[in-house]
Protein backbone atom coordinates (compact mmCIF):
# COMPACT_ATOMS: atom_id res chain seq x y z
CA MET A 1 32.77 -37.53 2.31
CA SER A 2 34.86 -38.58 5.27
CA GLY A 3 34.61 -35.23 7.06
CA ALA A 4 30.80 -35.07 7.02
CA VAL A 5 29.03 -35.27 10.35
CA GLU A 6 26.14 -37.73 10.40
CA THR A 7 22.93 -36.39 11.86
CA PRO A 8 21.19 -38.97 14.04
CA ALA A 9 17.74 -40.01 12.83
CA PRO A 10 14.90 -38.57 14.90
CA LYS A 11 13.24 -40.96 17.29
CA LEU A 12 9.71 -41.94 16.43
CA ILE A 13 7.16 -41.35 19.13
CA GLU A 14 4.49 -44.01 19.24
CA GLY A 15 0.89 -42.90 19.66
CA PRO A 16 -0.58 -39.40 19.40
CA VAL A 17 1.69 -36.71 20.77
CA ASP A 18 -1.19 -34.61 22.10
CA GLU A 19 -2.85 -37.33 24.12
CA PRO A 20 -3.43 -35.98 27.63
CA ARG A 21 -2.09 -37.78 30.63
CA PRO A 22 -4.59 -39.61 32.87
CA THR A 23 -4.21 -37.01 35.61
CA ALA A 24 -5.04 -34.22 33.16
CA VAL A 25 -8.11 -36.13 31.96
CA ARG A 26 -9.32 -36.59 35.51
CA ARG A 27 -8.85 -32.90 36.22
CA PHE A 28 -10.73 -32.04 33.04
CA LEU A 29 -13.64 -34.34 33.90
CA GLY A 30 -13.75 -32.96 37.42
CA ALA A 31 -13.86 -29.39 36.19
CA TRP A 32 -16.55 -30.26 33.64
CA LEU A 33 -18.69 -31.92 36.29
CA VAL A 34 -18.29 -28.98 38.67
CA ARG A 35 -19.33 -26.54 35.94
CA ARG A 36 -22.37 -28.59 35.01
CA LEU A 37 -23.44 -28.97 38.63
CA ALA A 38 -23.02 -25.23 39.20
CA LYS A 39 -25.19 -24.51 36.14
CA ALA A 40 -27.78 -27.01 37.35
CA ILE A 41 -27.98 -25.44 40.81
CA LEU A 42 -28.21 -21.95 39.29
CA THR A 43 -31.00 -23.08 36.97
CA VAL A 44 -33.00 -24.58 39.83
CA PHE A 45 -32.53 -21.41 41.89
CA LEU A 46 -33.67 -19.12 39.07
CA VAL A 47 -36.72 -21.26 38.28
CA ALA A 48 -37.68 -21.46 41.95
CA THR A 49 -37.41 -17.68 42.22
CA LEU A 50 -39.32 -17.03 39.01
CA THR A 51 -42.05 -19.49 39.95
CA PHE A 52 -42.47 -17.94 43.39
CA PHE A 53 -43.24 -14.50 41.98
CA LEU A 54 -45.20 -15.64 38.90
CA VAL A 55 -47.73 -17.73 40.83
CA ARG A 56 -48.47 -14.72 43.02
CA LEU A 57 -49.57 -12.81 39.95
CA LEU A 58 -52.51 -15.19 39.59
CA PRO A 59 -55.78 -13.51 40.59
CA GLY A 60 -57.24 -14.69 43.88
CA ASN A 61 -56.01 -17.31 46.34
CA PRO A 62 -57.52 -19.66 48.96
CA VAL A 63 -56.37 -17.40 51.81
CA ASP A 64 -58.32 -14.38 50.57
CA THR A 65 -61.32 -16.59 49.82
CA TYR A 66 -61.24 -18.00 53.37
CA ILE A 67 -60.95 -14.51 54.88
CA GLN A 68 -63.87 -13.13 52.88
CA THR A 69 -66.00 -16.20 53.68
CA GLN A 70 -65.33 -15.89 57.41
CA ILE A 71 -66.20 -12.19 57.36
CA ALA A 72 -69.44 -12.83 55.47
CA GLN A 73 -70.55 -15.81 57.60
CA THR A 74 -69.47 -14.78 61.10
CA GLY A 75 -69.18 -11.00 60.83
CA ILE A 76 -65.73 -10.91 62.43
CA SER A 77 -63.19 -8.25 61.51
CA TYR A 78 -60.66 -8.62 58.73
CA ALA A 79 -57.80 -8.72 61.26
CA ASP A 80 -59.39 -11.63 63.15
CA ALA A 81 -60.16 -13.50 59.92
CA ALA A 82 -56.59 -12.92 58.71
CA ALA A 83 -55.24 -14.23 62.01
CA GLN A 84 -57.35 -17.40 61.64
CA ALA A 85 -56.11 -17.82 58.04
CA LYS A 86 -52.51 -17.38 59.16
CA GLY A 87 -52.88 -20.15 61.73
CA LEU A 88 -54.78 -22.45 59.34
CA PHE A 89 -52.67 -21.98 56.22
CA SER A 90 -49.34 -21.13 57.89
CA LEU A 91 -49.25 -18.01 55.71
CA ASP A 92 -49.49 -14.36 56.66
CA PRO A 93 -51.42 -12.56 53.87
CA ASN A 94 -50.18 -9.16 55.06
CA GLU A 95 -46.50 -10.09 55.09
CA PRO A 96 -44.44 -8.38 52.33
CA VAL A 97 -43.76 -10.59 49.33
CA ILE A 98 -40.00 -10.25 49.69
CA LEU A 99 -40.19 -11.57 53.25
CA GLN A 100 -42.38 -14.45 52.05
CA TYR A 101 -39.75 -15.17 49.40
CA LEU A 102 -36.88 -15.20 51.89
CA THR A 103 -38.88 -17.48 54.19
CA TYR A 104 -39.71 -19.78 51.29
CA MET A 105 -36.09 -20.05 50.09
CA GLY A 106 -34.87 -20.64 53.62
CA ASN A 107 -37.37 -23.46 54.10
CA LEU A 108 -36.54 -24.83 50.65
CA VAL A 109 -32.87 -25.19 51.52
CA GLN A 110 -33.95 -27.27 54.52
CA GLY A 111 -36.13 -29.50 52.31
CA ASP A 112 -39.42 -27.91 53.41
CA PHE A 113 -41.67 -27.27 50.40
CA GLY A 114 -44.46 -25.82 52.49
CA THR A 115 -48.03 -26.85 53.24
CA SER A 116 -50.93 -27.17 50.81
CA LEU A 117 -53.46 -24.34 51.04
CA LEU A 118 -56.31 -26.50 49.74
CA SER A 119 -55.57 -29.29 52.23
CA PRO A 120 -54.35 -27.68 55.47
CA GLY A 121 -52.09 -30.02 57.41
CA THR A 122 -50.88 -31.79 54.24
CA THR A 123 -47.34 -30.92 53.23
CA VAL A 124 -46.34 -30.40 49.61
CA ALA A 125 -43.82 -33.22 49.98
CA GLN A 126 -46.68 -35.56 50.92
CA VAL A 127 -48.68 -34.45 47.87
CA ILE A 128 -45.73 -35.08 45.54
CA LYS A 129 -44.95 -38.40 47.20
CA THR A 130 -48.56 -39.51 46.81
CA TYR A 131 -49.15 -38.57 43.17
CA LEU A 132 -45.75 -38.56 41.45
CA PRO A 133 -45.17 -42.37 41.40
CA TRP A 134 -48.35 -42.94 39.36
CA THR A 135 -47.25 -40.46 36.71
CA LEU A 136 -43.78 -41.98 36.57
CA PHE A 137 -45.37 -45.41 36.17
CA SER A 138 -47.78 -44.53 33.35
CA VAL A 139 -45.41 -42.28 31.41
CA GLY A 140 -42.43 -44.54 32.03
CA VAL A 141 -44.19 -47.58 30.57
CA ALA A 142 -45.39 -45.52 27.60
CA GLN A 143 -41.93 -44.09 26.94
CA ILE A 144 -40.28 -47.52 26.96
CA LEU A 145 -42.91 -49.00 24.61
CA SER A 146 -42.84 -46.05 22.21
CA PHE A 147 -39.03 -46.01 22.21
CA VAL A 148 -38.74 -49.69 21.31
CA LEU A 149 -41.54 -49.58 18.72
CA GLY A 150 -40.16 -46.36 17.26
CA ILE A 151 -36.68 -47.87 16.81
CA LEU A 152 -38.10 -50.93 15.06
CA ALA A 153 -40.38 -48.86 12.82
CA GLY A 154 -37.59 -46.40 12.01
CA MET A 155 -35.21 -49.16 10.92
CA ILE A 156 -37.91 -50.74 8.76
CA MET A 157 -38.59 -47.36 7.13
CA ALA A 158 -34.87 -46.82 6.50
CA TYR A 159 -34.23 -50.25 5.01
CA ARG A 160 -37.43 -50.11 2.91
CA ARG A 161 -36.93 -46.58 1.61
CA GLU A 162 -39.35 -45.40 -1.07
CA SER A 163 -41.49 -48.51 -0.64
CA TRP A 164 -45.17 -48.49 0.25
CA ILE A 165 -44.47 -49.45 3.86
CA ASP A 166 -42.00 -46.55 4.16
CA HIS A 167 -44.56 -44.05 2.86
CA LEU A 168 -47.29 -45.52 5.07
CA LEU A 169 -45.25 -45.51 8.30
CA THR A 170 -43.81 -42.07 7.55
CA SER A 171 -47.29 -40.62 7.04
CA ILE A 172 -48.62 -42.24 10.21
CA GLY A 173 -45.58 -41.13 12.22
CA SER A 174 -45.84 -37.53 10.98
CA LEU A 175 -49.55 -37.43 11.76
CA LEU A 176 -49.18 -38.81 15.28
CA HIS A 177 -46.23 -36.53 15.99
CA ALA A 178 -48.27 -33.46 15.02
CA ILE A 179 -51.30 -34.18 17.25
CA PRO A 180 -51.11 -33.01 20.91
CA ASN A 181 -51.54 -35.72 23.52
CA TYR A 182 -54.66 -34.14 25.02
CA ILE A 183 -56.39 -34.24 21.60
CA VAL A 184 -55.56 -37.94 21.32
CA ALA A 185 -56.86 -38.42 24.88
CA ILE A 186 -60.18 -36.79 23.95
CA LEU A 187 -60.46 -38.99 20.84
CA ILE A 188 -59.78 -42.08 22.95
CA VAL A 189 -62.56 -41.08 25.34
CA VAL A 190 -65.01 -40.41 22.50
CA PHE A 191 -64.35 -43.52 20.42
CA LEU A 192 -63.06 -46.20 22.82
CA GLY A 193 -65.07 -45.02 25.80
CA VAL A 194 -68.35 -43.66 24.43
CA LYS A 195 -68.83 -44.96 20.88
CA LEU A 196 -67.31 -48.44 21.01
CA GLN A 197 -67.48 -48.79 24.82
CA VAL A 198 -64.24 -50.78 24.90
CA PHE A 199 -63.36 -49.19 28.25
CA ASN A 200 -65.59 -48.33 31.17
CA LEU A 201 -64.46 -44.76 31.77
CA THR A 202 -66.01 -44.63 35.22
CA GLU A 203 -64.22 -47.75 36.46
CA ALA A 204 -60.94 -46.70 34.83
CA ARG A 205 -60.76 -43.40 36.73
CA GLY A 206 -58.16 -43.05 39.46
CA SER A 207 -54.77 -44.65 39.78
CA TYR A 208 -56.18 -47.87 41.25
CA THR A 209 -59.53 -49.26 42.34
CA PRO A 210 -60.86 -47.79 45.62
CA GLY A 211 -60.67 -50.28 48.46
CA VAL A 212 -57.72 -52.16 46.96
CA THR A 213 -54.68 -52.25 49.24
CA PRO A 214 -51.42 -51.43 47.42
CA SER A 215 -49.06 -54.39 47.51
CA PHE A 216 -46.39 -56.14 45.48
CA SER A 217 -48.71 -58.70 43.92
CA PHE A 218 -49.86 -59.67 40.45
CA SER A 219 -53.47 -58.69 41.18
CA PHE A 220 -52.48 -55.16 42.22
CA LEU A 221 -50.15 -54.81 39.21
CA ASN A 222 -52.99 -55.88 36.95
CA ASP A 223 -55.29 -53.33 38.62
CA ILE A 224 -52.93 -50.37 38.21
CA LEU A 225 -52.22 -51.37 34.61
CA TYR A 226 -55.95 -51.34 33.90
CA HIS A 227 -56.30 -47.83 35.29
CA ALA A 228 -53.16 -46.62 33.48
CA THR A 229 -54.03 -48.18 30.10
CA LEU A 230 -55.72 -45.13 28.61
CA PRO A 231 -53.02 -42.61 29.66
CA ILE A 232 -50.34 -45.03 28.44
CA LEU A 233 -52.14 -45.37 25.10
CA ALA A 234 -52.36 -41.58 24.71
CA TYR A 235 -48.65 -41.09 25.51
CA LEU A 236 -47.66 -44.00 23.26
CA LEU A 237 -49.57 -42.80 20.21
CA THR A 238 -48.20 -39.24 20.45
CA THR A 239 -44.54 -40.18 20.94
CA VAL A 240 -43.91 -43.31 18.85
CA GLY A 241 -44.10 -41.31 15.61
CA SER A 242 -41.30 -38.94 16.58
CA TRP A 243 -39.03 -41.82 17.65
CA ALA A 244 -39.67 -43.61 14.34
CA LEU A 245 -38.90 -40.52 12.25
CA VAL A 246 -35.71 -39.73 14.16
CA MET A 247 -34.58 -43.36 13.98
CA LYS A 248 -35.23 -43.46 10.24
CA SER A 249 -33.15 -40.33 9.66
CA SER A 250 -30.33 -41.59 11.87
CA THR A 251 -30.32 -45.02 10.22
CA VAL A 252 -30.24 -43.57 6.70
CA GLU A 253 -27.30 -41.39 7.71
CA THR A 254 -25.48 -44.33 9.27
CA LEU A 255 -25.99 -46.50 6.18
CA GLY A 256 -23.89 -44.01 4.22
CA GLU A 257 -20.89 -44.24 6.55
CA ASP A 258 -17.64 -45.70 5.26
CA TYR A 259 -17.41 -48.39 7.92
CA VAL A 260 -20.73 -49.86 6.73
CA THR A 261 -19.36 -50.03 3.18
CA VAL A 262 -16.17 -51.69 4.45
CA ALA A 263 -18.23 -54.19 6.46
CA ARG A 264 -20.18 -55.15 3.35
CA ALA A 265 -16.95 -55.46 1.37
CA ARG A 266 -15.61 -57.85 4.00
CA GLY A 267 -18.59 -60.10 3.35
CA LEU A 268 -20.39 -59.66 6.65
CA THR A 269 -24.02 -60.73 6.72
CA ASP A 270 -26.80 -58.15 6.60
CA GLY A 271 -28.00 -59.22 10.04
CA ARG A 272 -24.62 -58.64 11.62
CA ILE A 273 -24.21 -55.29 9.86
CA ARG A 274 -27.65 -54.13 11.01
CA ALA A 275 -27.13 -55.16 14.62
CA GLY A 276 -23.43 -54.50 15.13
CA TYR A 277 -22.81 -51.51 12.89
CA VAL A 278 -25.96 -49.72 11.78
CA GLY A 279 -28.43 -50.22 14.63
CA ARG A 280 -25.94 -49.66 17.45
CA ASN A 281 -24.64 -46.39 15.99
CA ALA A 282 -27.96 -45.08 14.69
CA VAL A 283 -29.63 -45.42 18.09
CA LEU A 284 -27.01 -43.32 19.92
CA PRO A 285 -28.70 -39.93 19.34
CA LEU A 286 -32.01 -41.38 20.50
CA PHE A 287 -30.63 -42.42 23.87
CA SER A 288 -29.70 -38.85 24.74
CA GLN A 289 -33.12 -37.64 23.58
CA LEU A 290 -34.79 -40.36 25.66
CA ALA A 291 -33.11 -39.10 28.82
CA VAL A 292 -34.21 -35.54 28.07
CA SER A 293 -37.78 -36.57 27.21
CA LEU A 294 -38.10 -38.39 30.52
CA GLY A 295 -37.37 -35.11 32.26
CA PHE A 296 -40.43 -33.49 30.70
CA VAL A 297 -42.92 -36.25 31.47
CA VAL A 298 -44.01 -34.72 34.77
CA GLY A 299 -45.15 -31.41 33.33
CA GLY A 300 -46.61 -32.92 30.17
CA SER A 301 -49.18 -35.07 31.93
CA ILE A 302 -51.51 -32.37 33.26
CA PHE A 303 -54.22 -32.45 30.56
CA VAL A 304 -54.07 -36.18 29.85
CA GLU A 305 -54.50 -37.11 33.50
CA LYS A 306 -57.31 -34.62 33.95
CA ILE A 307 -59.20 -35.98 30.92
CA PHE A 308 -58.94 -39.59 32.09
CA GLY A 309 -59.28 -38.78 35.79
CA TYR A 310 -55.94 -40.48 36.41
CA GLN A 311 -54.67 -39.26 39.77
CA GLY A 312 -51.05 -38.52 39.03
CA ILE A 313 -48.91 -35.45 39.51
CA GLY A 314 -50.50 -33.78 36.45
CA PHE A 315 -53.93 -34.20 38.01
CA SER A 316 -52.63 -32.64 41.23
CA LEU A 317 -51.03 -29.79 39.27
CA TYR A 318 -54.33 -29.03 37.52
CA ASN A 319 -56.14 -28.86 40.87
CA ALA A 320 -53.41 -26.64 42.30
CA VAL A 321 -53.71 -24.22 39.37
CA SER A 322 -57.51 -24.15 39.65
CA GLY A 323 -57.39 -23.60 43.40
CA ARG A 324 -54.43 -21.18 43.42
CA ASP A 325 -52.54 -23.52 45.74
CA TYR A 326 -49.23 -21.65 45.71
CA PRO A 327 -47.07 -24.08 47.69
CA VAL A 328 -48.16 -27.11 45.63
CA LEU A 329 -47.62 -25.20 42.38
CA GLN A 330 -44.14 -24.17 43.46
CA GLY A 331 -43.27 -27.68 44.64
CA ILE A 332 -44.41 -29.40 41.44
CA PHE A 333 -42.71 -26.84 39.20
CA LEU A 334 -39.53 -27.32 41.19
CA VAL A 335 -39.76 -31.10 40.72
CA VAL A 336 -40.25 -30.58 36.97
CA THR A 337 -37.22 -28.30 36.84
CA ILE A 338 -35.00 -30.69 38.77
CA SER A 339 -36.08 -33.63 36.61
CA VAL A 340 -35.28 -31.73 33.39
CA VAL A 341 -31.91 -30.51 34.67
CA VAL A 342 -30.91 -33.97 35.89
CA ALA A 343 -32.12 -35.53 32.63
CA ASN A 344 -29.98 -33.15 30.58
CA LEU A 345 -26.95 -33.91 32.72
CA LEU A 346 -27.52 -37.66 32.39
CA ALA A 347 -28.01 -37.28 28.64
CA ASP A 348 -24.60 -35.65 28.26
CA VAL A 349 -22.87 -38.28 30.36
CA LEU A 350 -24.74 -41.14 28.69
CA TYR A 351 -23.97 -39.98 25.17
CA SER A 352 -20.28 -39.51 25.96
CA ARG A 353 -20.16 -43.05 27.33
CA LEU A 354 -22.09 -44.69 24.48
CA ASP A 355 -20.23 -42.96 21.64
CA PRO A 356 -16.45 -43.60 21.84
CA ARG A 357 -15.85 -40.75 19.37
CA ILE A 358 -17.18 -38.19 21.82
CA ARG A 359 -15.45 -37.00 24.97
CA VAL A 360 -17.25 -35.18 27.72
CA GLY A 361 -15.64 -31.92 26.74
CA GLY A 362 -16.91 -32.16 23.19
CA LYS A 363 -13.52 -33.15 21.68
CA ALA A 364 -12.95 -36.34 19.76
CA LYS A 365 -11.00 -39.08 21.44
CA GLY A 366 -7.61 -40.02 20.17
């Protein structure tokens, strides 16, 4: 019809219409980071407050013990003994708890963790600085070894499903995952130290041999590895099973994805599919769990280090609990809290970077 009006065809818009502009994405990421940092700071504050009051519920403390000892030995009054304790321990036993709390939080903001009650003159920061590196070394080496071995074992179990090696590795992994690390440490002492005498337990005590000067040398590295061997073995045996089981489950799930089927249909080799498609995607959940597990290594070392006599932060924490050393307890618990909070934050960021399907806000990209 000549009188009909032609309607122009709608213009096609290339790309997704709801894709946010770069400025909006930056604002979103900034807001997300601010929220996470605020939650992290609030968590640290609450744990520091809770720890302060909980440790004071423990019966007895070095200050009261010192006061009673001075009264019994010298016959001085309680007021004089309390004054001596205040000067020695930098703590007034008669001060109200709420005032002690305000003083503690004020010092904490300034980076002052306090002074050890068991070692007057030694700050908590010095205690942490002295013992924490050895725990990070032993547990860090164990975590890396168990992570790598667990990934390899998990992929073997997934690709050899229902075979004898799958059943064997699954049983071993489940057994090791179920046993606490301090039980494994005791078994290592009994069998490798006492029965078989593979290790000299007396020489292996400590973080390094007395008289050896710490230095960046092969001999010193060999010495600290010798002293850390037993704790590393205990951590390795109790964590490799969980990594293997998680990797097996993740690999089996990944093998059922459509892109793996398409890759096989395209004629890609099994090696390329395993490395470029299956392994890379199956390991993504484990990376986030690795970051979180590293945050718990400080607090999880207390019994293992005590059993082996390895002088790390767990060993120091055990002594602080036994001696009611409030400042050291509070300082170590605060370090544990900060490490866990930071590890969780890094896990979120790391997973969002490794997996292109995930955006920091939890929405799928594109």
